[in-house]
Amino acid sequence: MILESLIRDVTEGKHHRLSQEIGQPRMTTRPRLLYLIAEDWYFWSHRLDLARAARNAGFDVSIATRVTEHGECIVREGFHLYPLHLERRSRHSISDVRAILQLIRLYRNVKPHLVHHVAMKPILYGSLAAWVAKIPVVINAFAGLGYAFTDQDRRRRALRFLLSHSLKIAVRLSQSFVIFQNTEDRDVLLAEGVVQPERTRIIAGSGIDTDRFVPQASSPGIPIVLLASRMLWDKGIAEFVQAAKLLKQRNMLARFVLVGRSDQQNPAAIPLSRLQEWVEAGDVEWWGHREDMPNVLASASLVVLPSFREGLPKILLEAAACGKPLIATDVPGCRAVVRHQYNGLLVPPHDALALADAIASVLGDADRREAMGRAGRDMVVREYSTPIITRVTLALYRELLSLSKRRIGRLGRR
């Protein structure tokens, strides 16, 4: 009854507090584009270049996100910023419904011509809000299928069933177009009936700035083996630590470095206490979150990502652009970037011994590292650079907006 009342109130315009938080619609003749992304730091690291390209192409760009770190930076870029109360780890239905209501009010006030939702919760909540607010064009972009689709334990199977059913409803209600970063994720949701093939597109992330991420010689001294990601079990952090222990037992001279934030909003987050234990035991170094990733990558001799599943791991593309050899697991997303024996090596997931052997093999052959690094750089420039990806994405925006205008025109003539 409470949830029904909340939904009825927002559809009747009774939640004045939400309206005051969001403000009044803007008057502009440019097409209004709104990105819905759960966290401002994720927008800043993964979608900033795309938003800049859209702005430069004539779009009036808004960002709706939970603001924790980059709010001022987003505003300085000239984007309209709408702070949200959207928590990725929320398990409270009332909190979730309030978030949906806030999105409905936002969409009704801003009146975007196109909304671009990124990742699971924005797709679910944003699609429902877009349906209620009658947004003309909705794009849902999966940045990977995430926690529920990674392993097949009982809890995740149940969550996967629920998510698939909810996604099917959300995608169909909003009549959205769906972007995937790799074909394997698309095939999973096609098989489960969530999406229709004619309303999907593969776009490889948001592009890599190949002028910023450039080859540099590794730091002199002890070689650094780098794993850069959020500190999640699903990223293979524990396997990396175990591989480091195995290699130290073999007296291999190397530094094993973790770089990335502790994402306690994620159900797969590694406790800070465990990370500290590994550091204090001398197993690995943890440099925390870093904004200067070109410098971090320059220090590395080898970049590793033993993840259990990915969409399209940006860190591997950035490392390849910097001319670094790669080692990753033979799983969706990772194998889209790492081409075995070409720009790196693929190893089985959950296998610390295979990971350790691969690290030893690559570190022990300087010529091989150099050849893999050159191949990776060429691949990124040829297939994954920012101009290539943004051009494809902006073309999709224009195509869908044009189709929407024609559809509205036909309805008006009936």
Protein backbone atom coordinates (compact mmCIF):
# COMPACT_ATOMS: atom_id res chain seq x y z
CA MET A 1 0.00 0.00 0.00
CA ILE A 2 2.84 2.42 0.82
CA LEU A 3 4.56 1.79 -2.51
CA GLU A 4 1.30 2.19 -4.44
CA SER A 5 0.65 5.47 -2.65
CA LEU A 6 4.11 6.81 -3.47
CA ILE A 7 3.74 5.96 -7.16
CA ARG A 8 0.25 7.46 -7.31
CA ASP A 9 1.47 10.66 -5.65
CA VAL A 10 4.32 11.20 -8.08
CA THR A 11 2.18 10.52 -11.14
CA GLU A 12 -0.28 13.11 -9.84
CA GLY A 13 2.51 15.65 -9.18
CA LYS A 14 2.19 15.70 -5.38
CA HIS A 15 5.86 15.30 -4.42
CA HIS A 16 6.72 19.00 -4.36
CA ARG A 17 9.94 18.46 -2.41
CA LEU A 18 11.41 16.37 -5.22
CA SER A 19 10.38 19.00 -7.75
CA GLN A 20 12.13 21.72 -5.72
CA GLU A 21 15.32 19.66 -5.54
CA ILE A 22 15.43 19.15 -9.29
CA GLY A 23 14.33 22.59 -10.42
CA GLN A 24 12.50 23.80 -13.50
CA PRO A 25 12.98 22.63 -17.10
CA ARG A 26 15.54 24.51 -19.21
CA MET A 27 14.66 26.33 -22.40
CA THR A 28 17.02 25.29 -25.21
CA THR A 29 16.75 24.56 -28.92
CA ARG A 30 19.53 21.94 -28.78
CA PRO A 31 18.66 18.25 -28.38
CA ARG A 32 18.67 17.46 -24.66
CA LEU A 33 20.74 14.42 -23.69
CA LEU A 34 20.76 13.08 -20.13
CA TYR A 35 23.18 10.46 -18.78
CA LEU A 36 22.04 8.45 -15.77
CA ILE A 37 25.02 6.87 -14.02
CA ALA A 38 25.09 5.53 -10.47
CA GLU A 39 28.31 7.23 -9.28
CA ASP A 40 29.97 10.48 -10.30
CA TRP A 41 33.44 8.90 -10.15
CA TYR A 42 32.34 6.27 -12.68
CA PHE A 43 31.04 8.96 -15.03
CA TRP A 44 34.32 10.84 -14.67
CA SER A 45 36.49 7.82 -15.42
CA HIS A 46 34.34 6.03 -18.03
CA ARG A 47 31.96 8.44 -19.79
CA LEU A 48 33.51 11.91 -19.61
CA ASP A 49 35.03 11.79 -23.11
CA LEU A 50 31.71 10.69 -24.61
CA ALA A 51 29.81 13.45 -22.83
CA ARG A 52 32.35 16.02 -24.05
CA ALA A 53 31.99 14.76 -27.62
CA ALA A 54 28.19 14.99 -27.37
CA ARG A 55 28.42 18.54 -26.01
CA ASN A 56 30.80 19.53 -28.82
CA ALA A 57 28.43 17.94 -31.35
CA GLY A 58 25.62 20.27 -30.26
CA PHE A 59 23.81 18.34 -27.52
CA ASP A 60 22.65 20.01 -24.30
CA VAL A 61 24.18 17.51 -21.84
CA SER A 62 22.96 16.69 -18.32
CA ILE A 63 24.41 14.24 -15.82
CA ALA A 64 22.23 12.61 -13.15
CA THR A 65 24.30 10.74 -10.59
CA ARG A 66 25.13 10.26 -6.94
CA VAL A 67 27.65 13.00 -6.18
CA THR A 68 30.55 12.12 -3.90
CA GLU A 69 33.78 13.26 -5.54
CA HIS A 70 33.49 15.00 -8.91
CA GLY A 71 30.48 17.30 -8.71
CA GLU A 72 32.43 20.53 -9.15
CA CYS A 73 34.47 19.07 -11.99
CA ILE A 74 31.32 18.02 -13.85
CA VAL A 75 29.80 21.49 -13.52
CA ARG A 76 33.06 23.13 -14.68
CA GLU A 77 32.84 21.04 -17.85
CA GLY A 78 29.63 22.89 -18.69
CA PHE A 79 27.28 19.99 -18.00
CA HIS A 80 24.04 20.30 -16.03
CA LEU A 81 24.40 18.22 -12.86
CA TYR A 82 21.48 16.62 -11.01
CA PRO A 83 22.55 14.94 -7.74
CA LEU A 84 20.60 11.78 -6.95
CA HIS A 85 20.02 9.61 -3.89
CA LEU A 86 20.76 6.39 -5.74
CA GLU A 87 22.56 3.68 -3.77
CA ARG A 88 23.78 0.64 -5.70
CA ARG A 89 23.68 -1.60 -2.62
CA SER A 90 20.25 -0.58 -1.38
CA ARG A 91 18.02 -3.50 -0.39
CA HIS A 92 15.15 -1.41 0.99
CA SER A 93 12.09 -1.24 -1.26
CA ILE A 94 10.95 2.13 0.08
CA SER A 95 14.38 3.66 -0.62
CA ASP A 96 14.39 2.20 -4.11
CA VAL A 97 10.91 3.48 -4.91
CA ARG A 98 11.84 6.95 -3.68
CA ALA A 99 14.82 6.86 -6.05
CA ILE A 100 12.50 5.96 -8.94
CA LEU A 101 10.16 8.77 -7.99
CA GLN A 102 13.02 11.23 -8.00
CA LEU A 103 13.97 10.05 -11.48
CA ILE A 104 10.41 10.41 -12.74
CA ARG A 105 10.28 13.97 -11.45
CA LEU A 106 13.69 14.69 -12.98
CA TYR A 107 12.73 13.31 -16.39
CA ARG A 108 9.45 15.22 -16.41
CA ASN A 109 11.15 18.50 -15.54
CA VAL A 110 14.25 18.25 -17.75
CA LYS A 111 12.29 16.69 -20.63
CA PRO A 112 15.31 15.09 -22.32
CA HIS A 113 14.94 14.00 -25.90
CA LEU A 114 17.29 11.09 -25.17
CA VAL A 115 18.38 9.38 -21.95
CA HIS A 116 21.43 7.13 -21.79
CA HIS A 117 21.41 4.77 -18.80
CA VAL A 118 24.68 3.08 -17.86
CA ALA A 119 24.86 -0.15 -15.78
CA MET A 120 22.30 -2.30 -14.01
CA LYS A 121 20.45 -0.15 -11.48
CA PRO A 122 20.24 2.94 -13.71
CA ILE A 123 18.87 0.70 -16.46
CA LEU A 124 16.18 -0.77 -14.20
CA TYR A 125 15.13 2.43 -12.45
CA GLY A 126 15.76 4.79 -15.35
CA SER A 127 13.74 2.70 -17.79
CA LEU A 128 10.72 2.72 -15.50
CA ALA A 129 11.03 6.48 -15.01
CA ALA A 130 11.44 7.03 -18.75
CA TRP A 131 8.29 5.00 -19.43
CA VAL A 132 6.24 7.02 -16.94
CA ALA A 133 7.70 10.34 -18.17
CA LYS A 134 7.27 9.34 -21.86
CA ILE A 135 10.88 9.99 -22.88
CA PRO A 136 11.15 9.69 -26.69
CA VAL A 137 14.49 7.82 -26.91
CA VAL A 138 15.97 5.52 -24.27
CA ILE A 139 19.38 3.85 -24.52
CA ASN A 140 20.34 1.21 -21.98
CA ALA A 141 24.06 0.47 -21.91
CA PHE A 142 25.36 -2.57 -20.05
CA ALA A 143 28.86 -2.08 -18.70
CA GLY A 144 28.97 -5.84 -18.07
CA LEU A 145 26.39 -8.11 -16.47
CA GLY A 146 27.85 -7.77 -13.00
CA TYR A 147 27.65 -9.67 -9.74
CA ALA A 148 24.54 -11.76 -10.43
CA PHE A 149 25.89 -13.21 -13.69
CA THR A 150 29.43 -13.93 -12.53
CA ASP A 151 29.09 -17.31 -10.78
CA GLN A 152 26.33 -19.88 -10.39
CA ASP A 153 25.98 -20.32 -6.64
CA ARG A 154 22.42 -20.56 -5.33
CA ARG A 155 22.16 -16.95 -4.18
CA ARG A 156 23.38 -15.56 -7.49
CA ARG A 157 21.13 -17.86 -9.53
CA ALA A 158 18.12 -16.51 -7.67
CA LEU A 159 19.28 -12.93 -8.15
CA ARG A 160 19.97 -13.58 -11.83
CA PHE A 161 16.43 -14.91 -12.36
CA LEU A 162 14.95 -11.84 -10.67
CA LEU A 163 17.17 -9.44 -12.60
CA SER A 164 16.45 -11.06 -15.96
CA HIS A 165 12.71 -10.82 -15.37
CA SER A 166 12.96 -7.21 -14.20
CA LEU A 167 15.23 -6.23 -17.10
CA LYS A 168 12.82 -7.74 -19.61
CA ILE A 169 10.00 -5.60 -18.22
CA ALA A 170 12.15 -2.45 -18.05
CA VAL A 171 13.52 -2.77 -21.58
CA ARG A 172 10.11 -3.42 -23.11
CA LEU A 173 8.24 -0.73 -21.19
CA SER A 174 10.74 1.95 -22.18
CA GLN A 175 11.08 0.62 -25.76
CA SER A 176 14.79 1.09 -25.29
CA PHE A 177 17.73 0.42 -27.55
CA VAL A 178 20.39 -1.66 -25.78
CA ILE A 179 24.17 -1.31 -26.04
CA PHE A 180 26.53 -4.11 -25.06
CA GLN A 181 30.30 -3.98 -24.81
CA ASN A 182 30.85 -7.55 -25.96
CA THR A 183 28.90 -10.15 -27.93
CA GLU A 184 28.83 -12.71 -25.11
CA ASP A 185 26.82 -10.45 -22.78
CA ARG A 186 24.37 -9.76 -25.60
CA ASP A 187 24.00 -13.47 -26.32
CA VAL A 188 23.18 -14.17 -22.66
CA LEU A 189 20.33 -11.66 -22.58
CA LEU A 190 19.11 -12.68 -26.02
CA ALA A 191 18.89 -16.29 -24.84
CA GLU A 192 16.94 -15.21 -21.75
CA GLY A 193 14.51 -13.15 -23.83
CA VAL A 194 15.48 -9.84 -22.22
CA VAL A 195 16.35 -8.06 -25.47
CA GLN A 196 15.47 -8.34 -29.15
CA PRO A 197 18.39 -8.65 -31.59
CA GLU A 198 17.24 -5.80 -33.85
CA ARG A 199 17.29 -3.39 -30.90
CA THR A 200 20.86 -4.09 -29.80
CA ARG A 201 24.27 -2.79 -30.78
CA ILE A 202 27.83 -3.70 -29.80
CA ILE A 203 29.86 -0.59 -28.94
CA ALA A 204 33.22 -1.21 -27.32
CA GLY A 205 33.05 1.02 -24.26
CA SER A 206 33.58 4.77 -24.47
CA GLY A 207 37.02 4.88 -26.07
CA ILE A 208 40.62 5.37 -24.98
CA ASP A 209 42.50 8.66 -25.27
CA THR A 210 45.56 7.42 -27.14
CA ASP A 211 47.22 10.84 -26.82
CA ARG A 212 47.07 10.60 -23.03
CA PHE A 213 47.79 6.88 -22.69
CA VAL A 214 51.05 6.46 -24.58
CA PRO A 215 53.94 3.98 -24.42
CA GLN A 216 56.61 4.79 -21.86
CA ALA A 217 59.52 2.77 -20.57
CA SER A 218 58.83 0.90 -17.33
CA SER A 219 60.36 2.21 -14.12
CA PRO A 220 63.91 0.99 -13.57
CA GLY A 221 64.61 -1.44 -10.77
CA ILE A 222 62.41 -4.24 -9.51
CA PRO A 223 59.61 -4.95 -12.06
CA ILE A 224 56.07 -4.04 -11.06
CA VAL A 225 53.16 -6.40 -11.75
CA LEU A 226 50.04 -4.22 -11.61
CA LEU A 227 46.39 -5.06 -10.98
CA ALA A 228 44.22 -1.95 -11.24
CA SER A 229 40.50 -2.28 -10.48
CA ARG A 230 37.99 -1.80 -7.73
CA MET A 231 38.87 -3.97 -4.76
CA LEU A 232 36.29 -6.70 -5.37
CA TRP A 233 36.52 -10.47 -4.96
CA ASP A 234 35.07 -10.79 -8.49
CA LYS A 235 38.09 -9.00 -9.94
CA GLY A 236 40.32 -11.92 -8.92
CA ILE A 237 42.14 -9.96 -6.23
CA ALA A 238 42.53 -13.02 -3.97
CA GLU A 239 43.94 -15.06 -6.86
CA PHE A 240 46.42 -12.27 -7.61
CA VAL A 241 47.56 -12.21 -3.98
CA GLN A 242 47.95 -15.99 -3.97
CA ALA A 243 49.93 -15.84 -7.23
CA ALA A 244 52.20 -13.21 -5.66
CA LYS A 245 52.82 -15.51 -2.70
CA LEU A 246 53.65 -18.44 -5.00
CA LEU A 247 56.12 -16.37 -7.01
CA LYS A 248 57.82 -15.03 -3.90
CA GLN A 249 58.25 -18.62 -2.74
CA ARG A 250 60.07 -19.19 -6.06
CA ASN A 251 62.30 -16.21 -5.21
CA MET A 252 61.01 -14.16 -8.14
CA LEU A 253 62.04 -10.54 -7.77
CA ALA A 254 58.96 -8.43 -8.43
CA ARG A 255 56.59 -5.99 -6.76
CA PHE A 256 52.91 -6.89 -6.83
CA VAL A 257 50.77 -3.76 -6.74
CA LEU A 258 47.03 -3.25 -6.33
CA VAL A 259 45.59 0.08 -7.48
CA GLY A 260 41.95 1.04 -7.02
CA ARG A 261 39.26 2.15 -4.66
CA SER A 262 37.50 0.10 -2.03
CA ASP A 263 33.93 0.00 -3.37
CA GLN A 264 31.89 -0.85 -0.28
CA GLN A 265 28.65 -0.21 -2.22
CA ASN A 266 29.30 -3.43 -4.14
CA PRO A 267 28.21 -6.80 -2.64
CA ALA A 268 31.53 -8.30 -3.75
CA ALA A 269 33.63 -5.70 -1.91
CA ILE A 270 36.74 -6.97 -0.12
CA PRO A 271 36.79 -5.82 3.52
CA LEU A 272 39.34 -3.15 4.27
CA SER A 273 40.69 -5.31 7.07
CA ARG A 274 41.57 -8.07 4.60
CA LEU A 275 43.32 -5.65 2.27
CA GLN A 276 45.33 -4.35 5.21
CA GLU A 277 46.27 -7.89 6.23
CA TRP A 278 47.72 -8.58 2.79
CA VAL A 279 49.69 -5.34 2.85
CA GLU A 280 51.04 -5.89 6.37
CA ALA A 281 52.08 -9.45 5.47
CA GLY A 282 54.12 -8.08 2.57
CA ASP A 283 52.14 -10.03 -0.01
CA VAL A 284 51.16 -6.99 -2.09
CA GLU A 285 51.22 -3.21 -2.08
CA TRP A 286 47.95 -1.28 -2.24
CA TRP A 287 48.25 2.22 -3.67
CA GLY A 288 44.54 3.02 -3.34
CA HIS A 289 42.64 5.11 -5.87
CA ARG A 290 44.80 7.05 -8.32
CA GLU A 291 43.80 9.75 -10.78
CA ASP A 292 47.15 9.69 -12.63
CA MET A 293 46.71 6.33 -14.37
CA PRO A 294 49.10 7.09 -17.28
CA ASN A 295 51.88 7.55 -14.71
CA VAL A 296 50.81 4.45 -12.79
CA LEU A 297 50.81 2.35 -15.95
CA ALA A 298 54.16 3.76 -17.00
CA SER A 299 55.68 2.28 -13.83
CA ALA A 300 54.46 -1.24 -14.61
CA SER A 301 56.21 -4.01 -16.51
CA LEU A 302 53.06 -6.12 -16.76
CA VAL A 303 49.34 -5.49 -16.19
CA VAL A 304 47.10 -8.27 -14.88
CA LEU A 305 43.32 -8.64 -14.51
CA PRO A 306 42.19 -12.09 -13.26
CA SER A 307 38.51 -11.07 -13.23
CA PHE A 308 35.62 -13.54 -13.22
CA ARG A 309 33.61 -11.59 -15.84
CA GLU A 310 33.79 -8.16 -17.49
CA GLY A 311 31.95 -5.97 -19.95
CA LEU A 312 35.01 -4.48 -21.64
CA PRO A 313 37.75 -3.76 -19.06
CA LYS A 314 38.96 -0.22 -19.63
CA ILE A 315 42.12 -0.78 -17.60
CA LEU A 316 43.28 -3.46 -20.05
CA LEU A 317 42.67 -1.11 -22.99
CA GLU A 318 44.50 1.72 -21.23
CA ALA A 319 47.41 -0.59 -20.42
CA ALA A 320 47.55 -1.83 -24.02
CA ALA A 321 47.54 1.78 -25.25
CA CYS A 322 50.56 2.33 -22.99
CA GLY A 323 52.34 -0.57 -24.66
CA LYS A 324 52.10 -2.95 -21.71
CA PRO A 325 51.77 -6.73 -22.05
CA LEU A 326 48.60 -8.13 -20.49
CA ILE A 327 47.51 -11.20 -18.57
CA ALA A 328 43.81 -11.77 -17.99
CA THR A 329 41.34 -14.57 -17.45
CA ASP A 330 39.68 -16.38 -20.33
CA VAL A 331 36.22 -14.96 -19.57
CA PRO A 332 33.73 -12.67 -21.34
CA GLY A 333 35.06 -9.14 -21.68
CA CYS A 334 38.68 -9.96 -20.92
CA ARG A 335 39.10 -12.17 -23.96
CA ALA A 336 37.65 -9.40 -26.12
CA VAL A 337 40.75 -7.33 -25.29
CA VAL A 338 43.50 -9.88 -24.63
CA ARG A 339 44.34 -11.93 -27.69
CA HIS A 340 46.30 -14.93 -26.52
CA GLN A 341 49.97 -14.90 -27.50
CA TYR A 342 49.41 -11.64 -29.43
CA ASN A 343 49.14 -8.80 -26.90
CA GLY A 344 49.10 -10.96 -23.79
CA LEU A 345 48.13 -14.27 -22.24
CA LEU A 346 44.81 -15.72 -21.13
CA VAL A 347 44.58 -18.01 -18.09
CA PRO A 348 41.66 -19.92 -16.52
CA PRO A 349 39.64 -18.01 -13.88
CA HIS A 350 40.04 -18.94 -10.20
CA ASP A 351 43.49 -20.45 -10.92
CA ALA A 352 46.27 -18.77 -8.96
CA LEU A 353 48.87 -21.29 -10.08
CA ALA A 354 48.17 -20.72 -13.79
CA LEU A 355 48.26 -16.98 -13.15
CA ALA A 356 51.62 -17.25 -11.36
CA ASP A 357 53.09 -19.35 -14.19
CA ALA A 358 51.90 -16.83 -16.80
CA ILE A 359 53.38 -13.90 -14.86
CA ALA A 360 56.71 -15.72 -14.55
CA SER A 361 56.69 -16.54 -18.27
CA VAL A 362 56.11 -12.95 -19.39
CA LEU A 363 58.42 -11.31 -16.84
CA GLY A 364 61.19 -13.66 -17.87
CA ASP A 365 61.17 -12.63 -21.55
CA ALA A 366 61.83 -8.95 -22.28
CA ASP A 367 61.56 -9.34 -26.07
CA ARG A 368 58.17 -11.00 -25.68
CA ARG A 369 56.94 -8.20 -23.43
CA GLU A 370 58.00 -5.59 -25.97
CA ALA A 371 56.34 -7.40 -28.88
CA MET A 372 53.09 -7.84 -26.95
CA GLY A 373 53.15 -4.19 -25.94
CA ARG A 374 53.54 -3.01 -29.55
CA ALA A 375 50.72 -5.28 -30.70
CA GLY A 376 48.41 -4.02 -27.96
CA ARG A 377 49.11 -0.37 -28.76
CA ASP A 378 48.37 -0.93 -32.45
CA MET A 379 45.12 -2.73 -31.58
CA VAL A 380 43.81 0.11 -29.38
CA VAL A 381 44.69 2.82 -31.90
CA ARG A 382 43.03 0.84 -34.68
CA GLU A 383 39.86 -0.31 -32.87
CA TYR A 384 39.28 1.39 -29.51
CA SER A 385 40.44 5.01 -29.64
CA THR A 386 38.09 7.72 -28.38
CA PRO A 387 37.33 9.27 -31.80
CA ILE A 388 36.29 5.88 -33.20
CA ILE A 389 33.98 4.97 -30.31
CA THR A 390 32.44 8.43 -29.88
CA ARG A 391 31.74 8.68 -33.61
CA VAL A 392 29.81 5.40 -33.54
CA THR A 393 27.89 6.36 -30.39
CA LEU A 394 26.94 9.83 -31.62
CA ALA A 395 25.79 8.33 -34.91
CA LEU A 396 23.48 6.04 -32.94
CA TYR A 397 22.11 9.05 -30.99
CA ARG A 398 21.28 10.86 -34.24
CA GLU A 399 19.79 7.75 -35.84
CA LEU A 400 17.44 7.09 -32.91
CA LEU A 401 16.42 10.75 -32.58
CA SER A 402 15.62 10.85 -36.30
CA LEU A 403 13.52 7.70 -36.05
CA SER A 404 11.72 9.14 -33.03
CA LYS A 405 10.86 12.37 -34.89
CA ARG A 406 9.48 10.44 -37.86
CA ARG A 407 7.42 8.21 -35.57
CA ILE A 408 5.96 11.23 -33.74
CA GLY A 409 5.22 12.89 -37.09
CA ARG A 410 3.31 9.84 -38.34
CA LEU A 411 1.25 9.75 -35.15
CA GLY A 412 0.44 13.42 -35.53
CA ARG A 413 -0.96 12.88 -39.05
CA ARG A 414 -3.36 10.12 -38.02
